[in-house]
């Protein structure tokens, strides 16, 4: 069983930076990890993902160049560095993991989810 725990959310101003962490417990070797976000009443939106095997990364167009996903396998932790934040980035951010090590954009492909962490960006 894999458990994911996000941390690092909070209230920041537009233009600020924030780093989210996703710590995994259980057997996660070989799992790809992704970040998604969701606004109230809307579906989950893909943000970024990273493969286990080669750390290849994938990004949504809306965050390309501003966000960076990375992983520290020794700490079983995946990070999402978010720069140049704007009000459109305000959402609940979720970490997700899947046993198939590919860069999927689809939330349905992910097997495990964290509880989410709130990010609020004031303009």
C-alpha atoms as a PDB file:
ATOM      1  CA  UNK A   1       0.000   0.000   0.000  1.00  0.00           C
ATOM      2  CA  UNK A   2       1.293   3.436  -0.923  1.00  0.00           C
ATOM      3  CA  UNK A   3       0.478   6.521   1.089  1.00  0.00           C
ATOM      4  CA  UNK A   4       1.188  10.048  -0.054  1.00  0.00           C
ATOM      5  CA  UNK A   5       1.369  13.179   2.066  1.00  0.00           C
ATOM      6  CA  UNK A   6       1.602  16.657   0.596  1.00  0.00           C
ATOM      7  CA  UNK A   7       2.955  19.682   2.408  1.00  0.00           C
ATOM      8  CA  UNK A   8       4.126  23.194   1.673  1.00  0.00           C
ATOM      9  CA  UNK A   9       0.932  24.920   0.642  1.00  0.00           C
ATOM     10  CA  UNK A  10      -0.005  28.353   1.899  1.00  0.00           C
ATOM     11  CA  UNK A  11      -0.855  31.942   1.063  1.00  0.00           C
ATOM     12  CA  UNK A  12       1.556  33.884  -1.115  1.00  0.00           C
ATOM     13  CA  UNK A  13       1.465  36.997  -3.257  1.00  0.00           C
ATOM     14  CA  UNK A  14       1.480  37.092  -7.020  1.00  0.00           C
ATOM     15  CA  UNK A  15       5.020  36.742  -8.290  1.00  0.00           C
ATOM     16  CA  UNK A  16       6.165  34.758  -5.272  1.00  0.00           C
ATOM     17  CA  UNK A  17       7.521  31.228  -5.213  1.00  0.00           C
ATOM     18  CA  UNK A  18       6.437  28.176  -3.270  1.00  0.00           C
ATOM     19  CA  UNK A  19       7.671  24.600  -3.051  1.00  0.00           C
ATOM     20  CA  UNK A  20       5.335  21.690  -2.445  1.00  0.00           C
ATOM     21  CA  UNK A  21       6.540  18.335  -1.156  1.00  0.00           C
ATOM     22  CA  UNK A  22       5.021  14.899  -1.549  1.00  0.00           C
ATOM     23  CA  UNK A  23       6.396  12.272   0.769  1.00  0.00           C
ATOM     24  CA  UNK A  24       5.585   8.663  -0.046  1.00  0.00           C
ATOM     25  CA  UNK A  25       5.484   5.691   2.265  1.00  0.00           C
ATOM     26  CA  UNK A  26       5.288   2.077   1.247  1.00  0.00           C
ATOM     27  CA  UNK A  27       6.773   0.446  -1.810  1.00  0.00           C
ATOM     28  CA  UNK A  28       7.112   3.226  -4.360  1.00  0.00           C
ATOM     29  CA  UNK A  29      10.141   2.106  -6.318  1.00  0.00           C
ATOM     30  CA  UNK A  30       9.275   2.207  -9.990  1.00  0.00           C
ATOM     31  CA  UNK A  31       6.245   4.464  -9.552  1.00  0.00           C
ATOM     32  CA  UNK A  32       5.751   7.594 -11.618  1.00  0.00           C
ATOM     33  CA  UNK A  33       4.515  10.586  -9.626  1.00  0.00           C
ATOM     34  CA  UNK A  34       2.386  13.481 -10.710  1.00  0.00           C
ATOM     35  CA  UNK A  35       0.953  16.718  -9.400  1.00  0.00           C
ATOM     36  CA  UNK A  36      -2.610  17.749 -10.147  1.00  0.00           C
ATOM     37  CA  UNK A  37      -4.691  20.682  -8.998  1.00  0.00           C
ATOM     38  CA  UNK A  38      -8.377  21.202  -8.537  1.00  0.00           C
ATOM     39  CA  UNK A  39     -10.612  24.193  -8.021  1.00  0.00           C
ATOM     40  CA  UNK A  40     -13.998  23.883  -6.262  1.00  0.00           C
ATOM     41  CA  UNK A  41     -16.591  22.376  -8.583  1.00  0.00           C
ATOM     42  CA  UNK A  42     -14.062  21.538 -11.290  1.00  0.00           C
ATOM     43  CA  UNK A  43     -12.188  18.433 -12.346  1.00  0.00           C
ATOM     44  CA  UNK A  44      -8.573  17.712 -11.537  1.00  0.00           C
ATOM     45  CA  UNK A  45      -6.094  19.389 -13.839  1.00  0.00           C
ATOM     46  CA  UNK A  46      -2.728  17.877 -14.678  1.00  0.00           C
ATOM     47  CA  UNK A  47       0.215  20.015 -13.594  1.00  0.00           C
ATOM     48  CA  UNK A  48       3.400  17.956 -13.904  1.00  0.00           C
ATOM     49  CA  UNK A  49       4.747  14.425 -13.628  1.00  0.00           C
ATOM     50  CA  UNK A  50       8.074  12.662 -13.337  1.00  0.00           C
ATOM     51  CA  UNK A  51       9.084   9.136 -14.211  1.00  0.00           C
ATOM     52  CA  UNK A  52      10.975   6.924 -11.802  1.00  0.00           C
ATOM     53  CA  UNK A  53      13.301   5.242 -14.284  1.00  0.00           C
ATOM     54  CA  UNK A  54      14.899   8.292 -15.867  1.00  0.00           C
ATOM     55  CA  UNK A  55      13.312  11.272 -14.092  1.00  0.00           C
ATOM     56  CA  UNK A  56      11.867  12.488 -17.361  1.00  0.00           C
ATOM     57  CA  UNK A  57       9.438  15.275 -16.679  1.00  0.00           C
ATOM     58  CA  UNK A  58       6.178  16.424 -18.237  1.00  0.00           C
ATOM     59  CA  UNK A  59       4.371  19.720 -17.752  1.00  0.00           C
ATOM     60  CA  UNK A  60       1.052  21.326 -18.517  1.00  0.00           C
ATOM     61  CA  UNK A  61       1.348  24.231 -20.922  1.00  0.00           C
ATOM     62  CA  UNK A  62       0.000  26.599 -18.272  1.00  0.00           C
ATOM     63  CA  UNK A  63       2.960  25.959 -15.943  1.00  0.00           C
ATOM     64  CA  UNK A  64       5.749  25.194 -18.411  1.00  0.00           C
ATOM     65  CA  UNK A  65       8.744  27.373 -17.608  1.00  0.00           C
ATOM     66  CA  UNK A  66       7.409  28.381 -14.173  1.00  0.00           C
ATOM     67  CA  UNK A  67       7.086  25.076 -12.320  1.00  0.00           C
ATOM     68  CA  UNK A  68       9.708  22.381 -11.839  1.00  0.00           C
ATOM     69  CA  UNK A  69       9.054  18.855 -10.642  1.00  0.00           C
ATOM     70  CA  UNK A  70      11.880  16.842  -9.128  1.00  0.00           C
ATOM     71  CA  UNK A  71      12.395  13.804  -6.939  1.00  0.00           C
ATOM     72  CA  UNK A  72      14.717  12.607  -4.213  1.00  0.00           C
ATOM     73  CA  UNK A  73      14.486   8.845  -4.202  1.00  0.00           C
ATOM     74  CA  UNK A  74      16.539   8.548  -1.015  1.00  0.00           C
ATOM     75  CA  UNK A  75      13.901  10.590   0.795  1.00  0.00           C
ATOM     76  CA  UNK A  76      10.942   9.089  -1.102  1.00  0.00           C
ATOM     77  CA  UNK A  77       9.883  12.635  -1.837  1.00  0.00           C
ATOM     78  CA  UNK A  78       8.768  14.492  -4.951  1.00  0.00           C
ATOM     79  CA  UNK A  79       8.864  18.275  -5.091  1.00  0.00           C
ATOM     80  CA  UNK A  80       7.029  20.900  -7.095  1.00  0.00           C
ATOM     81  CA  UNK A  81       8.892  24.183  -7.257  1.00  0.00           C
ATOM     82  CA  UNK A  82       6.458  26.909  -8.306  1.00  0.00           C
ATOM     83  CA  UNK A  83       7.756  30.281  -9.444  1.00  0.00           C
ATOM     84  CA  UNK A  84       6.039  33.422 -10.724  1.00  0.00           C
ATOM     85  CA  UNK A  85       2.778  32.400  -9.146  1.00  0.00           C
ATOM     86  CA  UNK A  86      -0.420  34.155 -10.179  1.00  0.00           C
ATOM     87  CA  UNK A  87      -4.020  34.076  -9.050  1.00  0.00           C
ATOM     88  CA  UNK A  88      -4.869  31.371 -11.596  1.00  0.00           C
ATOM     89  CA  UNK A  89      -2.578  29.019  -9.677  1.00  0.00           C
ATOM     90  CA  UNK A  90      -4.873  29.146  -6.650  1.00  0.00           C
ATOM     91  CA  UNK A  91      -6.124  25.593  -6.135  1.00  0.00           C
ATOM     92  CA  UNK A  92      -5.819  22.497  -4.023  1.00  0.00           C
ATOM     93  CA  UNK A  93      -2.731  20.615  -5.192  1.00  0.00           C
ATOM     94  CA  UNK A  94      -2.664  16.838  -5.108  1.00  0.00           C
ATOM     95  CA  UNK A  95       0.189  14.418  -5.385  1.00  0.00           C
ATOM     96  CA  UNK A  96      -0.508  11.112  -7.156  1.00  0.00           C
ATOM     97  CA  UNK A  97       1.452   7.967  -7.946  1.00  0.00           C
ATOM     98  CA  UNK A  98       1.015   5.144 -10.410  1.00  0.00           C
ATOM     99  CA  UNK A  99       2.737   1.815 -10.829  1.00  0.00           C
ATOM    100  CA  UNK A 100       3.120   2.182 -14.586  1.00  0.00           C
ATOM    101  CA  UNK A 101       6.204   4.314 -15.027  1.00  0.00           C
ATOM    102  CA  UNK A 102       5.022   6.634 -17.772  1.00  0.00           C
ATOM    103  CA  UNK A 103       4.265  10.307 -18.031  1.00  0.00           C
ATOM    104  CA  UNK A 104       0.497  10.190 -18.070  1.00  0.00           C
ATOM    105  CA  UNK A 105      -1.555  13.380 -18.043  1.00  0.00           C
ATOM    106  CA  UNK A 106      -4.755  11.550 -17.126  1.00  0.00           C
ATOM    107  CA  UNK A 107      -5.774  11.460 -13.477  1.00  0.00           C
ATOM    108  CA  UNK A 108      -7.589   8.161 -14.028  1.00  0.00           C
ATOM    109  CA  UNK A 109      -4.241   6.481 -14.684  1.00  0.00           C
ATOM    110  CA  UNK A 110      -2.988   7.162 -11.175  1.00  0.00           C
ATOM    111  CA  UNK A 111      -3.483   4.596  -8.443  1.00  0.00           C
ATOM    112  CA  UNK A 112      -2.772   6.531  -5.255  1.00  0.00           C
ATOM    113  CA  UNK A 113      -3.575  10.050  -4.126  1.00  0.00           C
ATOM    114  CA  UNK A 114      -2.670  12.334  -1.276  1.00  0.00           C
ATOM    115  CA  UNK A 115      -5.108  14.487   0.671  1.00  0.00           C
ATOM    116  CA  UNK A 116      -4.098  17.702  -1.035  1.00  0.00           C
ATOM    117  CA  UNK A 117      -2.581  20.988   0.061  1.00  0.00           C
ATOM    118  CA  UNK A 118      -4.140  24.401  -0.508  1.00  0.00           C
ATOM    119  CA  UNK A 119      -2.276  27.076  -2.426  1.00  0.00           C
ATOM    120  CA  UNK A 120      -3.677  30.599  -2.421  1.00  0.00           C
ATOM    121  CA  UNK A 121      -2.127  33.349  -4.513  1.00  0.00           C
ATOM    122  CA  UNK A 122      -3.283  36.885  -3.821  1.00  0.00           C
ATOM    123  CA  UNK A 123      -3.131  39.432  -6.616  1.00  0.00           C
END
